[in-house]
C-alpha atoms as a PDB file:
ATOM      1  CA  THR A   1       1.180  34.166 -16.041  1.00  0.00           C
ATOM      2  CA  ASN A   2       3.823  32.556 -13.730  1.00  0.00           C
ATOM      3  CA  GLY A   3       2.887  31.753 -10.367  1.00  0.00           C
ATOM      4  CA  ILE A   4       0.907  29.340  -8.474  1.00  0.00           C
ATOM      5  CA  ALA A   5      -1.798  27.426 -10.609  1.00  0.00           C
ATOM      6  CA  ILE A   6      -3.284  25.514  -7.782  1.00  0.00           C
ATOM      7  CA  SER A   7      -2.923  25.612  -4.102  1.00  0.00           C
ATOM      8  CA  PHE A   8      -3.860  22.919  -1.863  1.00  0.00           C
ATOM      9  CA  ARG A   9      -5.230  23.731   1.644  1.00  0.00           C
ATOM     10  CA  ARG A  10      -5.903  21.649   4.777  1.00  0.00           C
ATOM     11  CA  ASN A  11      -8.537  23.530   7.146  1.00  0.00           C
ATOM     12  CA  THR A  12      -7.898  21.638  10.601  1.00  0.00           C
ATOM     13  CA  GLY A  13      -6.905  22.496  13.750  1.00  0.00           C
ATOM     14  CA  VAL A  14      -4.016  20.054  13.981  1.00  0.00           C
ATOM     15  CA  TYR A  15      -1.536  22.128  11.494  1.00  0.00           C
ATOM     16  CA  GLY A  16      -3.839  25.284  11.912  1.00  0.00           C
ATOM     17  CA  SER A  17      -6.249  26.815   9.923  1.00  0.00           C
ATOM     18  CA  ASN A  18      -6.017  26.646   6.280  1.00  0.00           C
ATOM     19  CA  THR A  19      -2.515  25.776   6.147  1.00  0.00           C
ATOM     20  CA  LYS A  20      -0.763  24.859   2.690  1.00  0.00           C
ATOM     21  CA  VAL A  21      -0.042  21.395   1.935  1.00  0.00           C
ATOM     22  CA  GLY A  22       0.706  21.357  -1.796  1.00  0.00           C
ATOM     23  CA  GLN A  23       0.651  23.262  -4.931  1.00  0.00           C
ATOM     24  CA  ILE A  24       0.866  23.313  -8.616  1.00  0.00           C
ATOM     25  CA  SER A  25       3.048  26.283 -10.206  1.00  0.00           C
ATOM     26  CA  CYS A  26       4.296  26.970 -13.489  1.00  0.00           C
ATOM     27  CA  ASP A  27       6.411  29.189 -15.399  1.00  0.00           C
ATOM     28  CA  GLY A  28       7.189  29.856 -18.913  1.00  0.00           C
ATOM     29  CA  SER A  29       8.805  26.507 -19.471  1.00  0.00           C
ATOM     30  CA  SER A  30       8.113  24.009 -16.634  1.00  0.00           C
ATOM     31  CA  THR A  31       5.346  23.174 -14.111  1.00  0.00           C
ATOM     32  CA  VAL A  32       6.262  22.322 -10.493  1.00  0.00           C
ATOM     33  CA  TYR A  33       4.446  19.873  -8.433  1.00  0.00           C
ATOM     34  CA  THR A  34       4.824  20.535  -4.578  1.00  0.00           C
ATOM     35  CA  THR A  35       3.799  18.511  -1.470  1.00  0.00           C
ATOM     36  CA  SER A  36       4.591  19.632   2.123  1.00  0.00           C
ATOM     37  CA  SER A  37       7.542  18.281   3.849  1.00  0.00           C
ATOM     38  CA  ASP A  38       8.498  20.553   6.480  1.00  0.00           C
ATOM     39  CA  TYR A  39      10.299  18.905   9.459  1.00  0.00           C
ATOM     40  CA  ARG A  40       7.692  20.793  11.510  1.00  0.00           C
ATOM     41  CA  LEU A  41       4.772  18.479  10.366  1.00  0.00           C
ATOM     42  CA  LYS A  42       6.780  15.236  10.914  1.00  0.00           C
ATOM     43  CA  GLU A  43       7.829  13.323  14.065  1.00  0.00           C
ATOM     44  CA  ASN A  44       9.441   9.978  14.837  1.00  0.00           C
ATOM     45  CA  ILE A  45      11.755  10.871  11.810  1.00  0.00           C
ATOM     46  CA  ALA A  46      14.534   8.080  11.375  1.00  0.00           C
ATOM     47  CA  PRO A  47      16.801   6.770   8.457  1.00  0.00           C
ATOM     48  CA  MET A  48      15.428   4.565   6.186  1.00  0.00           C
ATOM     49  CA  THR A  49      16.811   1.051   5.972  1.00  0.00           C
ATOM     50  CA  GLY A  50      16.009  -1.925   4.256  1.00  0.00           C
ATOM     51  CA  ALA A  51      15.563  -0.169   0.874  1.00  0.00           C
ATOM     52  CA  LEU A  52      17.586  -2.424  -1.337  1.00  0.00           C
ATOM     53  CA  ALA A  53      15.343  -5.388  -0.349  1.00  0.00           C
ATOM     54  CA  LYS A  54      12.369  -3.589  -0.841  1.00  0.00           C
ATOM     55  CA  VAL A  55      13.459  -2.338  -4.422  1.00  0.00           C
ATOM     56  CA  ALA A  56      14.404  -6.063  -5.206  1.00  0.00           C
ATOM     57  CA  GLN A  57      10.609  -6.792  -4.496  1.00  0.00           C
ATOM     58  CA  LEU A  58       9.533  -4.156  -7.129  1.00  0.00           C
ATOM     59  CA  ASN A  59       8.267  -5.261 -10.632  1.00  0.00           C
ATOM     60  CA  PRO A  60       9.004  -2.868 -12.885  1.00  0.00           C
ATOM     61  CA  VAL A  61       6.950  -3.546 -16.466  1.00  0.00           C
ATOM     62  CA  THR A  62       6.689  -2.972 -19.922  1.00  0.00           C
ATOM     63  CA  TYR A  63       3.085  -2.825 -21.436  1.00  0.00           C
ATOM     64  CA  SER A  64       0.520  -1.421 -24.075  1.00  0.00           C
ATOM     65  CA  TRP A  65      -2.315   0.652 -23.123  1.00  0.00           C
ATOM     66  CA  LYS A  66      -5.670  -1.011 -24.332  1.00  0.00           C
ATOM     67  CA  SER A  67      -7.255   2.406 -25.048  1.00  0.00           C
ATOM     68  CA  ASP A  68      -4.805   3.120 -28.016  1.00  0.00           C
ATOM     69  CA  GLY A  69      -2.116   0.658 -28.126  1.00  0.00           C
ATOM     70  CA  SER A  70       0.702   2.834 -27.197  1.00  0.00           C
ATOM     71  CA  ALA A  71       3.902   1.446 -25.301  1.00  0.00           C
ATOM     72  CA  SER A  72       4.497   2.446 -22.040  1.00  0.00           C
ATOM     73  CA  GLN A  73       6.524   1.346 -18.554  1.00  0.00           C
ATOM     74  CA  GLY A  74       5.957   1.432 -15.021  1.00  0.00           C
ATOM     75  CA  PHE A  75       4.203  -0.832 -12.258  1.00  0.00           C
ATOM     76  CA  ILE A  76       0.882  -2.557 -11.758  1.00  0.00           C
ATOM     77  CA  ALA A  77      -0.735  -0.779  -8.966  1.00  0.00           C
ATOM     78  CA  HIS A  78      -1.909  -3.807  -6.813  1.00  0.00           C
ATOM     79  CA  GLU A  79       1.734  -5.198  -7.110  1.00  0.00           C
ATOM     80  CA  LEU A  80       3.506  -2.069  -6.464  1.00  0.00           C
ATOM     81  CA  GLN A  81       0.778  -1.603  -3.157  1.00  0.00           C
ATOM     82  CA  THR A  82       2.307  -4.803  -1.677  1.00  0.00           C
ATOM     83  CA  VAL A  83       5.717  -3.301  -1.581  1.00  0.00           C
ATOM     84  CA  VAL A  84       5.448   0.530  -0.978  1.00  0.00           C
ATOM     85  CA  PRO A  85       1.514   1.205  -0.288  1.00  0.00           C
ATOM     86  CA  ASP A  86       1.998   4.917  -0.244  1.00  0.00           C
ATOM     87  CA  CYS A  87       2.469   4.714  -3.961  1.00  0.00           C
ATOM     88  CA  VAL A  88      -1.178   3.614  -4.476  1.00  0.00           C
ATOM     89  CA  VAL A  89      -4.368   5.128  -3.976  1.00  0.00           C
ATOM     90  CA  GLY A  90      -7.575   2.729  -4.531  1.00  0.00           C
ATOM     91  CA  GLN A  91      -8.122  -1.163  -4.114  1.00  0.00           C
ATOM     92  CA  LYS A  92      -7.407  -3.844  -6.400  1.00  0.00           C
ATOM     93  CA  ASP A  93     -10.789  -4.951  -8.634  1.00  0.00           C
ATOM     94  CA  ALA A  94     -12.667  -2.162  -7.065  1.00  0.00           C
ATOM     95  CA  VAL A  95     -16.248  -1.295  -8.750  1.00  0.00           C
ATOM     96  CA  GLU A  96     -18.922   1.216  -8.072  1.00  0.00           C
ATOM     97  CA  THR A  97     -22.540   0.730  -8.651  1.00  0.00           C
ATOM     98  CA  TYR A  98     -24.404   3.395 -10.476  1.00  0.00           C
ATOM     99  CA  THR A  99     -27.969   4.267 -12.418  1.00  0.00           C
ATOM    100  CA  ASP A 100     -27.715   4.396 -16.260  1.00  0.00           C
ATOM    101  CA  GLU A 101     -29.938   6.689 -18.159  1.00  0.00           C
ATOM    102  CA  ASP A 102     -32.585   3.957 -18.192  1.00  0.00           C
ATOM    103  CA  GLY A 103     -32.691   3.651 -14.630  1.00  0.00           C
ATOM    104  CA  ASN A 104     -30.908   0.355 -14.370  1.00  0.00           C
ATOM    105  CA  GLU A 105     -28.181  -0.454 -11.864  1.00  0.00           C
ATOM    106  CA  GLN A 106     -24.691  -0.806 -13.435  1.00  0.00           C
ATOM    107  CA  THR A 107     -21.425  -1.655 -12.062  1.00  0.00           C
ATOM    108  CA  ARG A 108     -18.073  -0.142 -13.484  1.00  0.00           C
ATOM    109  CA  PRO A 109     -14.471  -0.293 -12.415  1.00  0.00           C
ATOM    110  CA  VAL A 110     -12.773   2.251 -10.066  1.00  0.00           C
ATOM    111  CA  TYR A 111      -9.316   1.897 -11.231  1.00  0.00           C
ATOM    112  CA  GLN A 112      -6.163   2.285  -8.959  1.00  0.00           C
ATOM    113  CA  GLY A 113      -3.559   4.894  -9.088  1.00  0.00           C
ATOM    114  CA  ILE A 114       0.148   5.355  -8.554  1.00  0.00           C
ATOM    115  CA  ASP A 115       2.075   8.079  -7.385  1.00  0.00           C
ATOM    116  CA  THR A 116       5.581   6.980  -7.800  1.00  0.00           C
ATOM    117  CA  SER A 117       7.009  10.143  -6.305  1.00  0.00           C
ATOM    118  CA  PHE A 118       6.952   8.159  -3.101  1.00  0.00           C
ATOM    119  CA  LEU A 119       9.254   5.937  -4.663  1.00  0.00           C
ATOM    120  CA  VAL A 120      12.257   8.564  -4.769  1.00  0.00           C
ATOM    121  CA  ALA A 121      13.323   8.011  -1.004  1.00  0.00           C
ATOM    122  CA  THR A 122      13.277   4.493  -1.267  1.00  0.00           C
ATOM    123  CA  LEU A 123      15.395   4.402  -4.650  1.00  0.00           C
ATOM    124  CA  THR A 124      17.689   6.807  -2.916  1.00  0.00           C
ATOM    125  CA  ALA A 125      18.252   4.877   0.158  1.00  0.00           C
ATOM    126  CA  ALA A 126      18.565   1.536  -1.812  1.00  0.00           C
ATOM    127  CA  ILE A 127      21.326   3.409  -3.945  1.00  0.00           C
ATOM    128  CA  GLN A 128      23.124   4.552  -0.589  1.00  0.00           C
ATOM    129  CA  GLU A 129      22.932   0.814   0.763  1.00  0.00           C
ATOM    130  CA  GLN A 130      24.189  -0.160  -2.559  1.00  0.00           C
ATOM    131  CA  GLN A 131      27.118   2.341  -2.715  1.00  0.00           C
ATOM    132  CA  ALA A 132      28.005   1.220   0.925  1.00  0.00           C
ATOM    133  CA  ILE A 133      28.256  -2.550  -0.296  1.00  0.00           C
ATOM    134  CA  ILE A 134      30.230  -1.570  -3.323  1.00  0.00           C
ATOM    135  CA  THR A 135      32.501   0.994  -1.151  1.00  0.00           C
ATOM    136  CA  GLN A 136      33.195  -2.294   1.305  1.00  0.00           C
ATOM    137  CA  LEU A 137      34.030  -4.591  -1.535  1.00  0.00           C
ATOM    138  CA  GLN A 138      36.571  -2.280  -3.136  1.00  0.00           C
ATOM    139  CA  ALA A 139      38.199  -2.018   0.262  1.00  0.00           C
ATOM    140  CA  ASP A 140      38.114  -5.856   0.411  1.00  0.00           C
ATOM    141  CA  VAL A 141      39.636  -6.367  -3.262  1.00  0.00           C
ATOM    142  CA  ALA A 142      42.386  -3.692  -2.305  1.00  0.00           C
ATOM    143  CA  ALA A 143      43.264  -5.612   0.817  1.00  0.00           C
ATOM    144  CA  LEU A 144      43.338  -8.927  -1.082  1.00  0.00           C
ATOM    145  CA  LYS A 145      45.788  -7.162  -3.657  1.00  0.00           C
ATOM    146  CA  ALA A 146      47.973  -5.932  -0.995  1.00  0.00           C
ATOM    147  CA  GLN A 147      48.127  -9.400   0.231  1.00  0.00           C
ATOM    148  CA  GLY A 148      49.039 -10.513  -3.007  1.00  0.00           C
ATOM    149  CA  THR A 149      46.246 -12.605  -3.851  1.00  0.00           C
ATOM    150  CA  PRO A 150      45.001 -12.261  -7.207  1.00  0.00           C
END
């Protein structure tokens, strides 16, 4: 049916008891992933600056997955973590120890994950910064043309 498939709640006195902080909902044709973003949950709100410089540090790549060879595109988690830490969960080269079925202690990788939705604000701010530069350059060109400078 249409509606909320999963609701994420936080039980703490900080935001009130059993406060919803996110959900996954769906209807007949789409799925929506929602996280809390209400202004009442935030403080020290300020415009983002320096986003264009941050975007210039990003290293988007193409790659093939080892599991099936399929081509994809995106970021390498530990590289992205140095630029936008909020996007990445986990630590580079992390491993965990476990005991296998024979009672032997083994290690296995604990892979990092990425949530690229955290890039949206940075990319939006970078576009806005870039547009301000373009607008200024257009004004400069118009002024030069008005002076008769080719």
